[in-house]
C-alpha atoms as a PDB file:
ATOM      1  CA  MET A   1      94.649  70.624 127.671  1.00  0.00           C
ATOM      2  CA  SER A   2      98.307  71.157 128.437  1.00  0.00           C
ATOM      3  CA  ARG A   3     100.921  71.612 125.672  1.00  0.00           C
ATOM      4  CA  LEU A   4     104.550  69.918 126.745  1.00  0.00           C
ATOM      5  CA  ILE A   5     107.228  70.780 123.767  1.00  0.00           C
ATOM      6  CA  LEU A   6     110.647  68.496 124.034  1.00  0.00           C
ATOM      7  CA  PHE A   7     113.519  70.485 123.034  1.00  0.00           C
ATOM      8  CA  ASN A   8     117.502  69.391 122.161  1.00  0.00           C
ATOM      9  CA  LYS A   9     118.765  72.934 123.180  1.00  0.00           C
ATOM     10  CA  PRO A  10     122.345  73.115 120.956  1.00  0.00           C
ATOM     11  CA  TYR A  11     125.264  74.857 123.228  1.00  0.00           C
ATOM     12  CA  GLY A  12     125.700  78.470 123.602  1.00  0.00           C
ATOM     13  CA  VAL A  13     121.642  78.826 123.586  1.00  0.00           C
ATOM     14  CA  LEU A  14     120.168  80.617 126.987  1.00  0.00           C
ATOM     15  CA  SER A  15     117.151  78.960 128.409  1.00  0.00           C
ATOM     16  CA  GLN A  16     114.833  81.846 127.861  1.00  0.00           C
ATOM     17  CA  PHE A  17     113.317  83.969 125.351  1.00  0.00           C
ATOM     18  CA  THR A  18     114.995  86.994 125.493  1.00  0.00           C
ATOM     19  CA  ASP A  19     118.885  87.837 125.663  1.00  0.00           C
ATOM     20  CA  ARG A  20     118.959  90.642 128.712  1.00  0.00           C
ATOM     21  CA  SER A  21     122.727  91.443 128.251  1.00  0.00           C
ATOM     22  CA  THR A  22     123.917  94.928 126.718  1.00  0.00           C
ATOM     23  CA  ASP A  23     124.228  93.754 123.471  1.00  0.00           C
ATOM     24  CA  GLY A  24     121.231  91.348 123.162  1.00  0.00           C
ATOM     25  CA  ALA A  25     123.183  89.337 120.760  1.00  0.00           C
ATOM     26  CA  ARG A  26     123.134  85.638 122.236  1.00  0.00           C
ATOM     27  CA  ALA A  27     121.235  82.991 121.153  1.00  0.00           C
ATOM     28  CA  THR A  28     117.827  82.235 122.761  1.00  0.00           C
ATOM     29  CA  LEU A  29     114.834  79.595 123.067  1.00  0.00           C
ATOM     30  CA  SER A  30     113.170  82.183 120.307  1.00  0.00           C
ATOM     31  CA  ASP A  31     115.505  81.675 117.841  1.00  0.00           C
ATOM     32  CA  TYR A  32     114.276  78.021 117.639  1.00  0.00           C
ATOM     33  CA  ILE A  33     110.633  78.041 119.212  1.00  0.00           C
ATOM     34  CA  ASP A  34     107.742  79.867 117.507  1.00  0.00           C
ATOM     35  CA  LEU A  35     104.783  79.304 120.052  1.00  0.00           C
ATOM     36  CA  PRO A  36     102.972  81.601 122.510  1.00  0.00           C
ATOM     37  CA  GLY A  37     102.390  80.800 126.061  1.00  0.00           C
ATOM     38  CA  VAL A  38     105.084  78.123 126.503  1.00  0.00           C
ATOM     39  CA  TYR A  39     107.848  79.007 129.069  1.00  0.00           C
ATOM     40  CA  PRO A  40     110.973  76.348 130.004  1.00  0.00           C
ATOM     41  CA  ALA A  41     110.198  74.535 133.323  1.00  0.00           C
ATOM     42  CA  GLY A  42     113.316  74.371 134.619  1.00  0.00           C
ATOM     43  CA  ARG A  43     116.714  75.946 132.752  1.00  0.00           C
ATOM     44  CA  LEU A  44     119.702  74.065 131.619  1.00  0.00           C
ATOM     45  CA  ASP A  45     122.941  76.174 131.483  1.00  0.00           C
ATOM     46  CA  ARG A  46     124.028  77.576 128.472  1.00  0.00           C
ATOM     47  CA  ASP A  47     127.354  75.925 128.219  1.00  0.00           C
ATOM     48  CA  SER A  48     125.176  72.864 128.111  1.00  0.00           C
ATOM     49  CA  GLU A  49     123.298  70.862 126.044  1.00  0.00           C
ATOM     50  CA  GLY A  50     120.091  68.466 125.620  1.00  0.00           C
ATOM     51  CA  LEU A  51     116.741  68.190 126.854  1.00  0.00           C
ATOM     52  CA  LEU A  52     114.395  71.182 127.881  1.00  0.00           C
ATOM     53  CA  LEU A  53     110.932  70.953 128.442  1.00  0.00           C
ATOM     54  CA  LEU A  54     108.513  73.791 127.728  1.00  0.00           C
ATOM     55  CA  THR A  55     105.119  73.994 128.805  1.00  0.00           C
ATOM     56  CA  ASP A  56     101.720  76.322 128.960  1.00  0.00           C
ATOM     57  CA  ASP A  57     100.562  74.845 132.110  1.00  0.00           C
ATOM     58  CA  GLY A  58     102.030  76.309 134.798  1.00  0.00           C
ATOM     59  CA  ARG A  59     101.386  73.360 137.471  1.00  0.00           C
ATOM     60  CA  LEU A  60     103.194  71.247 135.064  1.00  0.00           C
ATOM     61  CA  GLN A  61     105.892  73.311 134.807  1.00  0.00           C
ATOM     62  CA  ALA A  62     106.302  73.470 138.856  1.00  0.00           C
ATOM     63  CA  LYS A  63     106.172  69.437 138.973  1.00  0.00           C
ATOM     64  CA  ILE A  64     108.949  69.670 136.104  1.00  0.00           C
ATOM     65  CA  ALA A  65     111.128  72.020 137.719  1.00  0.00           C
ATOM     66  CA  ASP A  66     110.846  72.154 141.686  1.00  0.00           C
ATOM     67  CA  PRO A  67     113.322  69.824 143.359  1.00  0.00           C
ATOM     68  CA  ARG A  68     110.546  68.780 146.316  1.00  0.00           C
ATOM     69  CA  PHE A  69     108.557  66.563 143.405  1.00  0.00           C
ATOM     70  CA  LYS A  70     112.061  64.590 143.032  1.00  0.00           C
ATOM     71  CA  MET A  71     111.887  64.364 139.072  1.00  0.00           C
ATOM     72  CA  ALA A  72     115.177  62.107 137.737  1.00  0.00           C
ATOM     73  CA  LYS A  73     117.520  64.029 135.317  1.00  0.00           C
ATOM     74  CA  THR A  74     119.795  62.308 133.781  1.00  0.00           C
ATOM     75  CA  TYR A  75     123.109  63.594 132.201  1.00  0.00           C
ATOM     76  CA  LEU A  76     125.427  62.651 130.094  1.00  0.00           C
ATOM     77  CA  VAL A  77     129.230  63.482 131.124  1.00  0.00           C
ATOM     78  CA  GLN A  78     132.013  64.246 129.265  1.00  0.00           C
ATOM     79  CA  VAL A  79     134.821  64.884 132.429  1.00  0.00           C
ATOM     80  CA  GLU A  80     138.509  64.748 132.088  1.00  0.00           C
ATOM     81  CA  GLY A  81     140.147  61.977 134.108  1.00  0.00           C
ATOM     82  CA  ASP A  82     139.621  58.660 134.065  1.00  0.00           C
ATOM     83  CA  ALA A  83     136.343  57.714 136.460  1.00  0.00           C
ATOM     84  CA  ASP A  84     137.834  55.093 139.053  1.00  0.00           C
ATOM     85  CA  ALA A  85     135.407  53.520 141.789  1.00  0.00           C
ATOM     86  CA  GLY A  86     135.935  55.849 144.282  1.00  0.00           C
ATOM     87  CA  GLN A  87     135.031  58.398 142.543  1.00  0.00           C
ATOM     88  CA  LEU A  88     131.945  57.256 141.051  1.00  0.00           C
ATOM     89  CA  GLU A  89     131.111  55.603 144.766  1.00  0.00           C
ATOM     90  CA  ALA A  90     131.376  59.507 146.231  1.00  0.00           C
ATOM     91  CA  LEU A  91     128.643  60.429 143.689  1.00  0.00           C
ATOM     92  CA  ARG A  92     126.320  57.710 144.851  1.00  0.00           C
ATOM     93  CA  ARG A  93     126.841  59.017 147.869  1.00  0.00           C
ATOM     94  CA  GLY A  94     126.172  62.252 147.752  1.00  0.00           C
ATOM     95  CA  VAL A  95     128.914  65.046 147.565  1.00  0.00           C
ATOM     96  CA  ALA A  96     130.110  68.094 149.691  1.00  0.00           C
ATOM     97  CA  LEU A  97     129.246  71.491 147.695  1.00  0.00           C
ATOM     98  CA  LYS A  98     129.991  75.056 149.262  1.00  0.00           C
ATOM     99  CA  ASP A  99     125.432  74.961 149.722  1.00  0.00           C
ATOM    100  CA  GLY A 100     125.472  71.461 151.442  1.00  0.00           C
ATOM    101  CA  MET A 101     126.083  67.496 150.392  1.00  0.00           C
ATOM    102  CA  THR A 102     123.966  67.032 147.694  1.00  0.00           C
ATOM    103  CA  ARG A 103     121.275  63.854 147.762  1.00  0.00           C
ATOM    104  CA  PRO A 104     122.764  60.300 146.497  1.00  0.00           C
ATOM    105  CA  ALA A 105     123.049  59.888 142.615  1.00  0.00           C
ATOM    106  CA  LEU A 106     123.208  57.214 140.171  1.00  0.00           C
ATOM    107  CA  ALA A 107     126.442  57.320 138.719  1.00  0.00           C
ATOM    108  CA  GLU A 108     127.889  54.894 136.116  1.00  0.00           C
ATOM    109  CA  ARG A 109     131.137  54.619 133.613  1.00  0.00           C
ATOM    110  CA  ILE A 110     129.502  54.389 130.394  1.00  0.00           C
ATOM    111  CA  ASP A 111     130.554  53.976 126.650  1.00  0.00           C
ATOM    112  CA  PRO A 112     131.502  56.888 124.700  1.00  0.00           C
ATOM    113  CA  PRO A 113     127.474  57.720 123.727  1.00  0.00           C
ATOM    114  CA  ALA A 114     126.875  58.360 120.097  1.00  0.00           C
ATOM    115  CA  LEU A 115     125.970  62.269 119.954  1.00  0.00           C
ATOM    116  CA  TRP A 116     126.115  64.883 117.427  1.00  0.00           C
ATOM    117  CA  GLU A 117     129.136  67.135 117.125  1.00  0.00           C
ATOM    118  CA  ARG A 118     129.214  69.963 119.418  1.00  0.00           C
ATOM    119  CA  ASP A 119     129.896  73.199 117.860  1.00  0.00           C
ATOM    120  CA  PRO A 120     132.511  74.262 119.291  1.00  0.00           C
ATOM    121  CA  PRO A 121     133.729  71.263 119.640  1.00  0.00           C
ATOM    122  CA  VAL A 122     135.020  70.238 123.097  1.00  0.00           C
ATOM    123  CA  ARG A 123     139.630  70.677 123.530  1.00  0.00           C
ATOM    124  CA  PHE A 124     141.197  67.345 122.857  1.00  0.00           C
ATOM    125  CA  ARG A 125     144.379  67.100 124.314  1.00  0.00           C
ATOM    126  CA  LYS A 126     146.460  63.686 123.969  1.00  0.00           C
ATOM    127  CA  THR A 127     147.801  63.747 127.311  1.00  0.00           C
ATOM    128  CA  VAL A 128     144.751  64.284 129.343  1.00  0.00           C
ATOM    129  CA  PRO A 129     142.434  61.414 129.489  1.00  0.00           C
ATOM    130  CA  ASP A 130     138.305  61.798 129.450  1.00  0.00           C
ATOM    131  CA  CYS A 131     135.524  59.671 130.284  1.00  0.00           C
ATOM    132  CA  TRP A 132     131.726  59.322 130.313  1.00  0.00           C
ATOM    133  CA  ILE A 133     129.755  58.760 133.261  1.00  0.00           C
ATOM    134  CA  SER A 134     125.810  58.533 133.827  1.00  0.00           C
ATOM    135  CA  LEU A 135     124.556  60.529 136.364  1.00  0.00           C
ATOM    136  CA  THR A 136     121.239  60.661 137.733  1.00  0.00           C
ATOM    137  CA  ILE A 137     120.069  63.450 139.841  1.00  0.00           C
ATOM    138  CA  ARG A 138     116.640  64.168 141.851  1.00  0.00           C
ATOM    139  CA  GLU A 139     117.643  67.760 142.289  1.00  0.00           C
ATOM    140  CA  GLY A 140     118.632  70.926 141.001  1.00  0.00           C
ATOM    141  CA  ARG A 141     120.753  73.364 141.935  1.00  0.00           C
ATOM    142  CA  ASN A 142     122.479  75.791 139.988  1.00  0.00           C
ATOM    143  CA  ARG A 143     125.465  74.199 137.920  1.00  0.00           C
ATOM    144  CA  GLN A 144     125.202  71.065 140.573  1.00  0.00           C
ATOM    145  CA  VAL A 145     126.366  68.169 138.095  1.00  0.00           C
ATOM    146  CA  ARG A 146     129.610  70.561 137.557  1.00  0.00           C
ATOM    147  CA  ARG A 147     130.036  71.021 140.981  1.00  0.00           C
ATOM    148  CA  MET A 148     129.745  67.558 141.759  1.00  0.00           C
ATOM    149  CA  THR A 149     132.183  66.222 139.470  1.00  0.00           C
ATOM    150  CA  ALA A 150     134.403  68.950 140.123  1.00  0.00           C
ATOM    151  CA  ALA A 151     134.552  67.821 143.474  1.00  0.00           C
ATOM    152  CA  VAL A 152     135.314  64.268 142.884  1.00  0.00           C
ATOM    153  CA  GLY A 153     138.134  65.556 140.778  1.00  0.00           C
ATOM    154  CA  LEU A 154     136.782  64.971 137.142  1.00  0.00           C
ATOM    155  CA  PRO A 155     135.671  68.528 135.862  1.00  0.00           C
ATOM    156  CA  THR A 156     133.461  68.278 132.930  1.00  0.00           C
ATOM    157  CA  LEU A 157     134.183  68.722 129.530  1.00  0.00           C
ATOM    158  CA  ARG A 158     130.888  68.214 127.828  1.00  0.00           C
ATOM    159  CA  LEU A 159     127.577  68.133 129.744  1.00  0.00           C
ATOM    160  CA  VAL A 160     124.221  67.094 127.880  1.00  0.00           C
ATOM    161  CA  ARG A 161     121.123  66.279 129.834  1.00  0.00           C
ATOM    162  CA  TRP A 162     119.422  63.291 128.236  1.00  0.00           C
ATOM    163  CA  SER A 163     116.217  62.382 130.038  1.00  0.00           C
ATOM    164  CA  ILE A 164     113.970  64.471 132.462  1.00  0.00           C
ATOM    165  CA  GLY A 165     111.320  61.656 134.519  1.00  0.00           C
ATOM    166  CA  ASP A 166     110.515  59.284 131.014  1.00  0.00           C
ATOM    167  CA  TRP A 167     110.935  62.395 128.203  1.00  0.00           C
ATOM    168  CA  THR A 168     113.936  61.948 126.698  1.00  0.00           C
ATOM    169  CA  LEU A 169     115.998  63.259 123.369  1.00  0.00           C
ATOM    170  CA  GLU A 170     115.517  60.047 121.517  1.00  0.00           C
ATOM    171  CA  GLN A 171     115.584  60.690 117.770  1.00  0.00           C
ATOM    172  CA  LEU A 172     115.511  64.589 118.692  1.00  0.00           C
ATOM    173  CA  GLU A 173     118.089  66.851 116.725  1.00  0.00           C
ATOM    174  CA  PRO A 174     119.732  69.268 118.383  1.00  0.00           C
ATOM    175  CA  GLY A 175     117.949  73.189 117.674  1.00  0.00           C
ATOM    176  CA  SER A 176     114.698  71.184 117.122  1.00  0.00           C
ATOM    177  CA  TRP A 177     111.722  70.203 119.099  1.00  0.00           C
ATOM    178  CA  ARG A 178     108.610  68.278 118.967  1.00  0.00           C
ATOM    179  CA  ASP A 179     104.833  67.786 121.190  1.00  0.00           C
ATOM    180  CA  ALA A 180     104.675  65.504 123.898  1.00  0.00           C
ATOM    181  CA  PRO A 181     101.886  64.061 125.822  1.00  0.00           C
ATOM    182  CA  PRO A 182     101.889  65.741 128.989  1.00  0.00           C
ATOM    183  CA  PRO A 183     101.818  62.795 132.128  1.00  0.00           C
ATOM    184  CA  SER A 184      98.785  61.861 132.530  1.00  0.00           C
ATOM    185  CA  ALA A 185      97.116  62.576 135.715  1.00  0.00           C
ATOM    186  CA  PRO A 186      97.020  59.811 138.462  1.00  0.00           C
ATOM    187  CA  ALA A 187      93.524  58.355 139.249  1.00  0.00           C
ATOM    188  CA  SER A 188      91.069  59.329 141.793  1.00  0.00           C
ATOM    189  CA  ARG A 189      90.956  57.373 144.695  1.00  0.00           C
ATOM    190  CA  ARG A 190      87.721  55.736 144.978  1.00  0.00           C
ATOM    191  CA  ARG A 191      86.284  55.765 149.219  1.00  0.00           C
END
Protein backbone atom coordinates (compact mmCIF):
# COMPACT_ATOMS: atom_id res chain seq x y z
CA MET A 1 0.00 0.00 0.00
CA SER A 2 1.41 3.36 -0.96
CA ARG A 3 1.84 6.15 1.55
CA LEU A 4 0.65 9.73 1.04
CA ILE A 5 1.68 12.58 3.35
CA LEU A 6 0.05 16.02 3.52
CA PHE A 7 2.54 18.64 4.74
CA ASN A 8 1.91 22.34 5.47
CA LYS A 9 5.17 23.81 4.22
CA PRO A 10 6.14 26.98 6.08
CA TYR A 11 7.56 30.05 4.36
CA GLY A 12 11.32 29.78 3.80
CA VAL A 13 11.49 25.97 3.65
CA LEU A 14 12.90 24.23 0.55
CA SER A 15 10.69 21.55 -1.07
CA GLN A 16 13.51 19.01 -0.88
CA PHE A 17 15.27 17.02 1.82
CA THR A 18 18.76 18.52 1.40
CA ASP A 19 20.11 22.03 0.85
CA ARG A 20 22.60 22.01 -1.99
CA SER A 21 23.75 25.59 -1.39
CA THR A 22 27.34 26.25 -0.40
CA ASP A 23 26.55 26.72 3.29
CA GLY A 24 23.63 24.25 3.50
CA ALA A 25 21.94 26.44 6.11
CA ARG A 26 18.44 26.73 4.63
CA ALA A 27 15.52 24.84 6.15
CA THR A 28 14.47 21.71 4.24
CA LEU A 29 11.81 19.01 4.48
CA SER A 30 14.19 16.95 6.65
CA ASP A 31 13.77 19.55 9.40
CA TYR A 32 10.08 18.55 9.61
CA ILE A 33 9.65 15.05 8.18
CA ASP A 34 11.71 12.04 9.22
CA LEU A 35 10.22 9.30 7.08
CA PRO A 36 12.34 7.13 4.80
CA GLY A 37 11.30 6.64 1.19
CA VAL A 38 8.84 9.51 0.70
CA TYR A 39 9.46 12.23 -1.86
CA PRO A 40 7.63 15.43 -2.84
CA ALA A 41 5.04 15.15 -5.59
CA GLY A 42 5.75 18.50 -7.22
CA ARG A 43 7.27 21.49 -5.55
CA LEU A 44 6.44 24.72 -3.82
CA ASP A 45 8.86 27.64 -3.97
CA ARG A 46 10.82 28.57 -0.88
CA ASP A 47 8.90 31.85 -0.55
CA SER A 48 5.51 30.12 -0.88
CA GLU A 49 3.59 28.31 1.82
CA GLY A 50 1.03 25.60 2.07
CA LEU A 51 0.15 22.14 0.91
CA LEU A 52 2.92 19.87 -0.31
CA LEU A 53 2.19 16.20 -0.95
CA LEU A 54 4.81 13.49 -0.42
CA THR A 55 4.56 9.84 -1.37
CA ASP A 56 6.56 6.65 -1.69
CA ASP A 57 4.66 5.68 -4.87
CA GLY A 58 6.30 6.80 -8.12
CA ARG A 59 3.09 6.48 -10.17
CA LEU A 60 1.10 8.52 -7.68
CA GLN A 61 3.92 11.08 -7.56
CA ALA A 62 3.76 11.46 -11.35
CA LYS A 63 -0.04 11.69 -11.37
CA ILE A 64 0.03 14.50 -8.81
CA ALA A 65 2.94 16.45 -10.29
CA ASP A 66 2.65 15.94 -14.05
CA PRO A 67 0.65 18.75 -15.73
CA ARG A 68 -0.79 16.35 -18.32
CA PHE A 69 -3.06 14.93 -15.60
CA LYS A 70 -4.46 18.46 -15.03
CA MET A 71 -4.90 18.05 -11.27
CA ALA A 72 -6.44 21.24 -9.87
CA LYS A 73 -4.29 23.27 -7.46
CA THR A 74 -5.93 26.12 -5.55
CA TYR A 75 -3.91 29.00 -4.16
CA LEU A 76 -4.91 31.78 -1.77
CA VAL A 77 -3.00 34.81 -2.98
CA GLN A 78 -2.55 38.15 -1.28
CA VAL A 79 -1.81 40.67 -4.02
CA GLU A 80 -0.73 44.26 -4.08
CA GLY A 81 -3.53 46.34 -5.53
CA ASP A 82 -7.29 46.19 -5.66
CA ALA A 83 -8.24 43.33 -8.01
CA ASP A 84 -10.96 44.44 -10.39
CA ALA A 85 -13.30 42.50 -12.68
CA GLY A 86 -11.05 42.99 -15.72
CA GLN A 87 -7.96 41.60 -13.98
CA LEU A 88 -9.88 38.60 -12.68
CA GLU A 89 -11.35 37.96 -16.14
CA ALA A 90 -7.84 38.08 -17.66
CA LEU A 91 -6.74 35.37 -15.20
CA ARG A 92 -9.83 33.32 -16.10
CA ARG A 93 -9.10 33.53 -19.84
CA GLY A 94 -5.39 32.73 -19.52
CA VAL A 95 -2.42 35.04 -19.38
CA ALA A 96 0.40 35.52 -21.90
CA LEU A 97 3.71 34.77 -20.19
CA LYS A 98 7.19 34.61 -21.72
CA ASP A 99 6.83 30.83 -22.06
CA GLY A 100 3.37 31.02 -23.68
CA MET A 101 -0.28 31.35 -22.74
CA THR A 102 -1.48 29.81 -19.51
CA ARG A 103 -4.56 27.63 -19.47
CA PRO A 104 -7.74 29.30 -18.25
CA ALA A 105 -7.94 29.50 -14.45
CA LEU A 106 -10.65 29.89 -11.86
CA ALA A 107 -10.15 33.27 -10.23
CA GLU A 108 -12.23 35.16 -7.71
CA ARG A 109 -11.74 37.84 -5.13
CA ILE A 110 -12.16 36.54 -1.57
CA ASP A 111 -12.27 37.93 1.94
CA PRO A 112 -8.95 37.71 3.79
CA PRO A 113 -8.70 34.05 4.85
CA ALA A 114 -8.19 32.99 8.48
CA LEU A 115 -4.58 31.86 8.14
CA TRP A 116 -1.64 31.59 10.51
CA GLU A 117 0.75 34.51 10.88
CA ARG A 118 3.64 34.36 8.45
CA ASP A 119 7.22 34.65 9.72
CA PRO A 120 8.44 37.10 8.56
CA PRO A 121 5.19 39.01 8.16
CA VAL A 122 4.14 40.48 4.81
CA ARG A 123 5.19 44.12 4.54
CA PHE A 124 2.23 46.42 5.14
CA ARG A 125 2.04 49.82 3.45
CA LYS A 126 -0.71 52.29 4.38
CA THR A 127 -0.72 53.93 0.95
CA VAL A 128 -0.86 50.74 -1.13
CA PRO A 129 -4.03 48.63 -1.02
CA ASP A 130 -3.96 44.85 -1.11
CA CYS A 131 -6.57 42.13 -1.43
CA TRP A 132 -6.89 38.34 -1.59
CA ILE A 133 -7.84 36.18 -4.53
CA SER A 134 -8.42 32.47 -4.92
CA LEU A 135 -6.74 31.10 -8.03
CA THR A 136 -7.12 27.52 -9.29
CA ILE A 137 -4.84 26.29 -12.05
CA ARG A 138 -4.36 22.93 -13.76
CA GLU A 139 -0.75 23.26 -14.80
CA GLY A 140 2.45 23.94 -12.93
CA ARG A 141 4.99 26.16 -14.60
CA ASN A 142 7.85 27.64 -12.61
CA ARG A 143 6.52 30.43 -10.35
CA GLN A 144 3.36 30.44 -12.46
CA VAL A 145 0.91 32.01 -10.01
CA ARG A 146 3.30 34.87 -9.20
CA ARG A 147 3.92 35.50 -12.90
CA MET A 148 0.20 35.39 -13.71
CA THR A 149 -0.80 37.90 -11.05
CA ALA A 150 2.09 40.20 -12.00
CA ALA A 151 1.05 40.01 -15.67
CA VAL A 152 -2.36 41.48 -14.79
CA GLY A 153 -0.88 44.19 -12.57
CA LEU A 154 -1.30 42.47 -9.19
CA PRO A 155 2.10 41.53 -7.75
CA THR A 156 1.94 38.66 -5.24
CA LEU A 157 2.67 39.49 -1.60
CA ARG A 158 1.82 36.12 -0.06
CA LEU A 159 1.11 32.78 -1.70
CA VAL A 160 -0.49 29.82 0.09
CA ARG A 161 -1.35 26.62 -1.77
CA TRP A 162 -4.58 25.52 -0.13
CA SER A 163 -5.43 22.37 -2.05
CA ILE A 164 -4.30 19.84 -4.62
CA GLY A 165 -7.18 17.84 -6.06
CA ASP A 166 -9.35 16.82 -3.09
CA TRP A 167 -6.56 17.20 -0.49
CA THR A 168 -6.56 20.42 1.55
CA LEU A 169 -4.71 22.13 4.38
CA GLU A 170 -7.74 22.06 6.67
CA GLN A 171 -6.71 21.55 10.31
CA LEU A 172 -3.01 21.28 9.40
CA GLU A 173 -0.76 23.81 11.12
CA PRO A 174 2.42 25.13 9.43
CA GLY A 175 5.30 22.67 9.79
CA SER A 176 3.02 19.73 10.60
CA TRP A 177 2.05 16.73 8.50
CA ARG A 178 -0.38 13.83 8.50
CA ASP A 179 -1.02 10.66 6.56
CA ALA A 180 -3.83 10.72 4.05
CA PRO A 181 -5.49 7.88 2.19
CA PRO A 182 -4.12 7.70 -1.36
CA PRO A 183 -6.71 8.07 -4.09
CA SER A 184 -8.53 4.85 -4.80
CA ALA A 185 -7.77 3.14 -8.07
CA PRO A 186 -10.53 3.42 -10.66
CA ALA A 187 -12.71 0.33 -10.90
CA SER A 188 -11.74 -1.92 -13.76
CA ARG A 189 -14.06 -1.90 -16.73
CA ARG A 190 -16.24 -4.92 -17.35
CA ARG A 191 -16.38 -6.33 -20.85
